[in-house]
Amino acid sequence: MHWLKDNVYLASWLAIPVALIGMVYQNRGKTSAEVDWNRSLLYIAFLVALAAAFTPIFDTSARTTAGLLVSMLIPFLIIDRKPR
């Protein structure tokens, strides 16, 4: 159990390829003009910054910068969400 406790941040890194696979699957059959690339890149940037903020092997300044990016992207992603 100590390995899982020490490496719990790996789930945040695994979220990135899972999200990419989901985006590809969701946008299959669409042309390049129909895909919302800006929103997709914001989601990927958010997930990478979140993973970097949780990873303890990065230095403190990198984790702090990633945490600031996450804290700026969360309100933007909430406010700018797509209407259903």
C-alpha atoms as a PDB file:
ATOM      1  CA  MET A   1       0.000   0.000   0.000  1.00  0.00           C
ATOM      2  CA  HIS A   2       2.933   2.354   0.455  1.00  0.00           C
ATOM      3  CA  TRP A   3       3.665   2.345  -3.276  1.00  0.00           C
ATOM      4  CA  LEU A   4       0.141   3.526  -4.074  1.00  0.00           C
ATOM      5  CA  LYS A   5       0.277   6.146  -1.340  1.00  0.00           C
ATOM      6  CA  ASP A   6       3.614   7.464  -2.630  1.00  0.00           C
ATOM      7  CA  ASN A   7       2.629   7.439  -6.319  1.00  0.00           C
ATOM      8  CA  VAL A   8      -0.959   8.635  -6.224  1.00  0.00           C
ATOM      9  CA  TYR A   9      -0.033  11.483  -8.611  1.00  0.00           C
ATOM     10  CA  LEU A  10       0.265   8.947 -11.462  1.00  0.00           C
ATOM     11  CA  ALA A  11      -3.516   9.042 -11.849  1.00  0.00           C
ATOM     12  CA  SER A  12      -3.283  12.684 -12.888  1.00  0.00           C
ATOM     13  CA  TRP A  13      -0.728  11.797 -15.573  1.00  0.00           C
ATOM     14  CA  LEU A  14      -2.933   8.930 -16.762  1.00  0.00           C
ATOM     15  CA  ALA A  15      -5.838  11.359 -17.192  1.00  0.00           C
ATOM     16  CA  ILE A  16      -4.033  13.042 -20.100  1.00  0.00           C
ATOM     17  CA  PRO A  17      -3.981  10.083 -22.540  1.00  0.00           C
ATOM     18  CA  VAL A  18      -7.470   9.064 -21.421  1.00  0.00           C
ATOM     19  CA  ALA A  19      -8.731  12.577 -22.228  1.00  0.00           C
ATOM     20  CA  LEU A  20      -6.953  12.563 -25.590  1.00  0.00           C
ATOM     21  CA  ILE A  21      -8.514   9.233 -26.521  1.00  0.00           C
ATOM     22  CA  GLY A  22     -11.911  10.577 -25.447  1.00  0.00           C
ATOM     23  CA  MET A  23     -11.471  13.725 -27.539  1.00  0.00           C
ATOM     24  CA  VAL A  24     -10.485  11.722 -30.605  1.00  0.00           C
ATOM     25  CA  TYR A  25     -13.436   9.379 -30.134  1.00  0.00           C
ATOM     26  CA  GLN A  26     -15.852  12.264 -29.543  1.00  0.00           C
ATOM     27  CA  ASN A  27     -14.695  14.186 -32.619  1.00  0.00           C
ATOM     28  CA  ARG A  28     -14.536  11.281 -35.050  1.00  0.00           C
ATOM     29  CA  GLY A  29     -16.284  11.971 -38.299  1.00  0.00           C
ATOM     30  CA  LYS A  30     -15.994  15.750 -37.907  1.00  0.00           C
ATOM     31  CA  THR A  31     -13.975  17.960 -40.173  1.00  0.00           C
ATOM     32  CA  SER A  32     -11.090  19.964 -38.791  1.00  0.00           C
ATOM     33  CA  ALA A  33     -13.153  23.151 -38.933  1.00  0.00           C
ATOM     34  CA  GLU A  34     -15.921  21.624 -36.772  1.00  0.00           C
ATOM     35  CA  VAL A  35     -13.614  20.675 -33.893  1.00  0.00           C
ATOM     36  CA  ASP A  36     -13.260  23.245 -31.105  1.00  0.00           C
ATOM     37  CA  TRP A  37      -9.460  23.255 -30.968  1.00  0.00           C
ATOM     38  CA  ASN A  38      -9.174  26.121 -28.482  1.00  0.00           C
ATOM     39  CA  ARG A  39     -11.272  24.332 -25.890  1.00  0.00           C
ATOM     40  CA  SER A  40      -9.431  21.056 -26.471  1.00  0.00           C
ATOM     41  CA  LEU A  41      -6.048  22.693 -25.957  1.00  0.00           C
ATOM     42  CA  LEU A  42      -7.280  24.396 -22.784  1.00  0.00           C
ATOM     43  CA  TYR A  43      -8.420  21.047 -21.400  1.00  0.00           C
ATOM     44  CA  ILE A  44      -5.063  19.453 -22.187  1.00  0.00           C
ATOM     45  CA  ALA A  45      -3.160  22.397 -20.693  1.00  0.00           C
ATOM     46  CA  PHE A  46      -5.313  22.153 -17.574  1.00  0.00           C
ATOM     47  CA  LEU A  47      -4.637  18.432 -17.193  1.00  0.00           C
ATOM     48  CA  VAL A  48      -0.882  18.827 -17.723  1.00  0.00           C
ATOM     49  CA  ALA A  49      -0.701  21.681 -15.212  1.00  0.00           C
ATOM     50  CA  LEU A  50      -2.769  19.689 -12.720  1.00  0.00           C
ATOM     51  CA  ALA A  51      -0.486  16.678 -13.091  1.00  0.00           C
ATOM     52  CA  ALA A  52       2.615  18.846 -12.711  1.00  0.00           C
ATOM     53  CA  ALA A  53       1.179  20.501  -9.612  1.00  0.00           C
ATOM     54  CA  PHE A  54       0.568  17.111  -7.971  1.00  0.00           C
ATOM     55  CA  THR A  55       3.927  15.525  -8.893  1.00  0.00           C
ATOM     56  CA  PRO A  56       6.321  15.770  -5.953  1.00  0.00           C
ATOM     57  CA  ILE A  57       9.502  15.154  -7.978  1.00  0.00           C
ATOM     58  CA  PHE A  58       9.216  18.540  -9.731  1.00  0.00           C
ATOM     59  CA  ASP A  59      10.870  21.488  -8.050  1.00  0.00           C
ATOM     60  CA  THR A  60       8.822  23.905  -5.993  1.00  0.00           C
ATOM     61  CA  SER A  61       8.800  26.742  -8.521  1.00  0.00           C
ATOM     62  CA  ALA A  62       7.472  24.487 -11.299  1.00  0.00           C
ATOM     63  CA  ARG A  63       4.762  23.095  -9.031  1.00  0.00           C
ATOM     64  CA  THR A  64       3.806  26.600  -7.886  1.00  0.00           C
ATOM     65  CA  THR A  65       3.592  27.856 -11.473  1.00  0.00           C
ATOM     66  CA  ALA A  66       1.494  24.853 -12.467  1.00  0.00           C
ATOM     67  CA  GLY A  67      -0.774  25.444  -9.466  1.00  0.00           C
ATOM     68  CA  LEU A  68      -1.259  29.078 -10.475  1.00  0.00           C
ATOM     69  CA  LEU A  69      -2.125  27.994 -14.006  1.00  0.00           C
ATOM     70  CA  VAL A  70      -4.659  25.505 -12.644  1.00  0.00           C
ATOM     71  CA  SER A  71      -6.198  28.136 -10.399  1.00  0.00           C
ATOM     72  CA  MET A  72      -6.563  30.509 -13.374  1.00  0.00           C
ATOM     73  CA  LEU A  73      -7.962  27.865 -15.728  1.00  0.00           C
ATOM     74  CA  ILE A  74     -10.615  26.435 -13.383  1.00  0.00           C
ATOM     75  CA  PRO A  75     -12.796  29.592 -13.289  1.00  0.00           C
ATOM     76  CA  PHE A  76     -12.297  30.145 -17.016  1.00  0.00           C
ATOM     77  CA  LEU A  77     -13.368  26.598 -17.865  1.00  0.00           C
ATOM     78  CA  ILE A  78     -16.396  26.879 -15.582  1.00  0.00           C
ATOM     79  CA  ILE A  79     -17.531  30.239 -16.951  1.00  0.00           C
ATOM     80  CA  ASP A  80     -16.809  29.415 -20.610  1.00  0.00           C
ATOM     81  CA  ARG A  81     -18.445  25.997 -20.631  1.00  0.00           C
ATOM     82  CA  LYS A  82     -20.472  24.855 -23.611  1.00  0.00           C
ATOM     83  CA  PRO A  83     -24.245  25.127 -23.238  1.00  0.00           C
ATOM     84  CA  ARG A  84     -26.050  21.800 -23.564  1.00  0.00           C
END
